[in-house]
């Protein structure tokens, strides 16, 4: 089939050069916008504070040892709220502690929390 026949039957047979250049420009702008967006969220995620509960030990009716890991920027001071819960999920112990800055991104922290009754679990509520 000749190109003339295609043009007669379907209109313009090939994509015009201007249309192709326009599509490449729009695609490039979309790619750059996506990369900027991804970079912003990657930097934002790197600055977030993360916690992971490692374990707990119920010492007695009035004390529970809570062990957790904090991940943050090296050298950043963090304040964490630790709580101990009873079997009915009521807060029976609460403590706010300061995690001092260090050169490491992650540190494991252990703290004793005084309780009003026997606790069944200990965990990190939040860090800031």
C-alpha atoms as a PDB file:
ATOM      1  CA  UNK A   1       0.000   0.000   0.000  1.00  0.00           C
ATOM      2  CA  UNK A   2       1.293   3.367  -0.794  1.00  0.00           C
ATOM      3  CA  UNK A   3       1.439   6.161   1.698  1.00  0.00           C
ATOM      4  CA  UNK A   4      -0.860   8.230  -0.525  1.00  0.00           C
ATOM      5  CA  UNK A   5      -3.580   5.581  -0.280  1.00  0.00           C
ATOM      6  CA  UNK A   6      -3.298   5.529   3.544  1.00  0.00           C
ATOM      7  CA  UNK A   7      -3.518   9.312   3.694  1.00  0.00           C
ATOM      8  CA  UNK A   8      -6.627   9.288   1.497  1.00  0.00           C
ATOM      9  CA  UNK A   9      -8.320   6.587   3.537  1.00  0.00           C
ATOM     10  CA  UNK A  10      -7.409   7.603   7.101  1.00  0.00           C
ATOM     11  CA  UNK A  11      -6.237  11.158   6.893  1.00  0.00           C
ATOM     12  CA  UNK A  12      -2.653  11.934   7.805  1.00  0.00           C
ATOM     13  CA  UNK A  13      -0.740   8.652   7.677  1.00  0.00           C
ATOM     14  CA  UNK A  14       2.171   9.407  10.015  1.00  0.00           C
ATOM     15  CA  UNK A  15       2.404  11.404  13.172  1.00  0.00           C
ATOM     16  CA  UNK A  16       3.492  14.879  12.356  1.00  0.00           C
ATOM     17  CA  UNK A  17       6.871  16.006  13.624  1.00  0.00           C
ATOM     18  CA  UNK A  18       5.331  18.836  15.691  1.00  0.00           C
ATOM     19  CA  UNK A  19       3.013  16.386  17.456  1.00  0.00           C
ATOM     20  CA  UNK A  20       5.912  14.062  18.242  1.00  0.00           C
ATOM     21  CA  UNK A  21       8.035  16.893  19.674  1.00  0.00           C
ATOM     22  CA  UNK A  22       5.067  18.122  21.732  1.00  0.00           C
ATOM     23  CA  UNK A  23       4.516  14.613  23.163  1.00  0.00           C
ATOM     24  CA  UNK A  24       8.204  14.294  24.065  1.00  0.00           C
ATOM     25  CA  UNK A  25       8.167  17.682  25.836  1.00  0.00           C
ATOM     26  CA  UNK A  26       5.008  16.800  27.830  1.00  0.00           C
ATOM     27  CA  UNK A  27       6.474  13.403  28.736  1.00  0.00           C
ATOM     28  CA  UNK A  28       9.739  15.009  29.872  1.00  0.00           C
ATOM     29  CA  UNK A  29       7.911  17.526  32.049  1.00  0.00           C
ATOM     30  CA  UNK A  30       5.859  14.728  33.625  1.00  0.00           C
ATOM     31  CA  UNK A  31       9.018  12.700  34.309  1.00  0.00           C
ATOM     32  CA  UNK A  32      10.810  15.631  35.940  1.00  0.00           C
ATOM     33  CA  UNK A  33       7.729  16.408  38.073  1.00  0.00           C
ATOM     34  CA  UNK A  34       7.575  12.782  39.235  1.00  0.00           C
ATOM     35  CA  UNK A  35      11.282  12.724  40.124  1.00  0.00           C
ATOM     36  CA  UNK A  36      10.957  15.952  42.139  1.00  0.00           C
ATOM     37  CA  UNK A  37       7.918  14.526  43.965  1.00  0.00           C
ATOM     38  CA  UNK A  38       9.755  11.260  44.729  1.00  0.00           C
ATOM     39  CA  UNK A  39      12.824  13.140  45.980  1.00  0.00           C
ATOM     40  CA  UNK A  40      10.755  15.303  48.337  1.00  0.00           C
ATOM     41  CA  UNK A  41       9.025  12.288  49.872  1.00  0.00           C
ATOM     42  CA  UNK A  42      12.286  10.356  50.165  1.00  0.00           C
ATOM     43  CA  UNK A  43      13.925  13.218  52.060  1.00  0.00           C
ATOM     44  CA  UNK A  44      10.828  13.595  54.248  1.00  0.00           C
ATOM     45  CA  UNK A  45      10.797   9.863  55.105  1.00  0.00           C
ATOM     46  CA  UNK A  46      14.480   9.932  56.027  1.00  0.00           C
ATOM     47  CA  UNK A  47      13.771  12.597  58.663  1.00  0.00           C
ATOM     48  CA  UNK A  48      10.908  10.715  60.347  1.00  0.00           C
ATOM     49  CA  UNK A  49      11.314   9.082  63.725  1.00  0.00           C
ATOM     50  CA  UNK A  50      10.609   5.367  63.819  1.00  0.00           C
ATOM     51  CA  UNK A  51      10.112   3.011  66.745  1.00  0.00           C
ATOM     52  CA  UNK A  52      10.018  -0.738  67.158  1.00  0.00           C
ATOM     53  CA  UNK A  53       8.982  -2.551  70.323  1.00  0.00           C
ATOM     54  CA  UNK A  54      11.686  -5.061  71.254  1.00  0.00           C
ATOM     55  CA  UNK A  55      10.193  -6.528  74.426  1.00  0.00           C
ATOM     56  CA  UNK A  56       9.084  -6.048  77.981  1.00  0.00           C
ATOM     57  CA  UNK A  57       9.529  -7.731  81.350  1.00  0.00           C
ATOM     58  CA  UNK A  58       6.984  -7.501  84.144  1.00  0.00           C
ATOM     59  CA  UNK A  59       9.176  -7.121  87.223  1.00  0.00           C
ATOM     60  CA  UNK A  60       6.327  -7.139  89.724  1.00  0.00           C
ATOM     61  CA  UNK A  61       2.887  -5.626  90.273  1.00  0.00           C
ATOM     62  CA  UNK A  62       4.339  -2.121  90.421  1.00  0.00           C
ATOM     63  CA  UNK A  63       7.079  -2.118  87.756  1.00  0.00           C
ATOM     64  CA  UNK A  64       7.587  -3.191  84.135  1.00  0.00           C
ATOM     65  CA  UNK A  65      10.782  -2.942  82.087  1.00  0.00           C
ATOM     66  CA  UNK A  66      10.142  -1.832  78.457  1.00  0.00           C
ATOM     67  CA  UNK A  67      12.774  -2.242  75.715  1.00  0.00           C
ATOM     68  CA  UNK A  68      12.384  -0.521  72.342  1.00  0.00           C
ATOM     69  CA  UNK A  69      14.397   0.709  69.367  1.00  0.00           C
ATOM     70  CA  UNK A  70      14.331   4.301  68.125  1.00  0.00           C
ATOM     71  CA  UNK A  71      15.427   5.208  64.589  1.00  0.00           C
ATOM     72  CA  UNK A  72      16.133   8.873  63.872  1.00  0.00           C
ATOM     73  CA  UNK A  73      18.741  11.159  62.335  1.00  0.00           C
ATOM     74  CA  UNK A  74      22.170  10.758  63.989  1.00  0.00           C
ATOM     75  CA  UNK A  75      22.641  13.465  66.588  1.00  0.00           C
ATOM     76  CA  UNK A  76      18.889  14.131  66.996  1.00  0.00           C
ATOM     77  CA  UNK A  77      17.387  14.215  70.504  1.00  0.00           C
ATOM     78  CA  UNK A  78      14.040  12.414  70.746  1.00  0.00           C
ATOM     79  CA  UNK A  79      11.335  12.402  73.433  1.00  0.00           C
ATOM     80  CA  UNK A  80       9.337   9.145  73.722  1.00  0.00           C
ATOM     81  CA  UNK A  81       6.176   8.240  75.629  1.00  0.00           C
ATOM     82  CA  UNK A  82       6.218   4.678  76.975  1.00  0.00           C
ATOM     83  CA  UNK A  83       3.167   2.983  78.432  1.00  0.00           C
ATOM     84  CA  UNK A  84       2.246  -0.248  80.166  1.00  0.00           C
ATOM     85  CA  UNK A  85      -1.192  -1.760  79.610  1.00  0.00           C
ATOM     86  CA  UNK A  86      -3.266  -4.114  81.751  1.00  0.00           C
ATOM     87  CA  UNK A  87      -5.100  -7.198  80.517  1.00  0.00           C
ATOM     88  CA  UNK A  88      -8.131  -5.009  79.716  1.00  0.00           C
ATOM     89  CA  UNK A  89      -5.879  -2.627  77.686  1.00  0.00           C
ATOM     90  CA  UNK A  90      -6.115   0.118  80.299  1.00  0.00           C
ATOM     91  CA  UNK A  91      -2.996   2.253  80.775  1.00  0.00           C
ATOM     92  CA  UNK A  92      -1.556   1.293  84.161  1.00  0.00           C
ATOM     93  CA  UNK A  93       1.858   2.939  83.720  1.00  0.00           C
ATOM     94  CA  UNK A  94       3.183   5.864  81.693  1.00  0.00           C
ATOM     95  CA  UNK A  95       6.589   7.485  81.382  1.00  0.00           C
ATOM     96  CA  UNK A  96       8.127  10.140  79.126  1.00  0.00           C
ATOM     97  CA  UNK A  97      11.842   9.678  78.490  1.00  0.00           C
ATOM     98  CA  UNK A  98      14.483  11.547  76.537  1.00  0.00           C
ATOM     99  CA  UNK A  99      16.609   9.574  74.088  1.00  0.00           C
ATOM    100  CA  UNK A 100      19.876  11.455  73.959  1.00  0.00           C
ATOM    101  CA  UNK A 101      21.619  12.210  70.657  1.00  0.00           C
ATOM    102  CA  UNK A 102      24.208   9.754  69.407  1.00  0.00           C
ATOM    103  CA  UNK A 103      26.186   9.089  66.255  1.00  0.00           C
ATOM    104  CA  UNK A 104      24.055   6.026  65.474  1.00  0.00           C
ATOM    105  CA  UNK A 105      20.834   6.134  63.465  1.00  0.00           C
ATOM    106  CA  UNK A 106      19.197   3.464  65.675  1.00  0.00           C
ATOM    107  CA  UNK A 107      19.510   2.970  69.415  1.00  0.00           C
ATOM    108  CA  UNK A 108      17.937   0.420  71.750  1.00  0.00           C
ATOM    109  CA  UNK A 109      16.482   1.931  74.916  1.00  0.00           C
ATOM    110  CA  UNK A 110      15.409   0.168  78.113  1.00  0.00           C
ATOM    111  CA  UNK A 111      13.389   1.893  80.823  1.00  0.00           C
ATOM    112  CA  UNK A 112      11.526   0.868  83.968  1.00  0.00           C
ATOM    113  CA  UNK A 113       7.929   2.120  84.132  1.00  0.00           C
ATOM    114  CA  UNK A 114       6.116   2.287  87.469  1.00  0.00           C
ATOM    115  CA  UNK A 115       2.613   0.805  87.345  1.00  0.00           C
ATOM    116  CA  UNK A 116      -0.517   1.061  89.477  1.00  0.00           C
ATOM    117  CA  UNK A 117      -1.395  -2.615  88.967  1.00  0.00           C
ATOM    118  CA  UNK A 118      -0.015  -5.666  87.194  1.00  0.00           C
ATOM    119  CA  UNK A 119       0.830  -4.866  83.580  1.00  0.00           C
ATOM    120  CA  UNK A 120       0.559  -7.390  80.743  1.00  0.00           C
ATOM    121  CA  UNK A 121       2.366  -5.489  77.987  1.00  0.00           C
ATOM    122  CA  UNK A 122       4.752  -2.569  77.598  1.00  0.00           C
ATOM    123  CA  UNK A 123       5.216  -0.503  74.458  1.00  0.00           C
ATOM    124  CA  UNK A 124       6.162   2.844  72.948  1.00  0.00           C
ATOM    125  CA  UNK A 125       3.136   5.092  72.458  1.00  0.00           C
ATOM    126  CA  UNK A 126       4.893   7.779  70.387  1.00  0.00           C
ATOM    127  CA  UNK A 127       8.146   9.640  69.832  1.00  0.00           C
ATOM    128  CA  UNK A 128       8.736  13.218  68.723  1.00  0.00           C
END
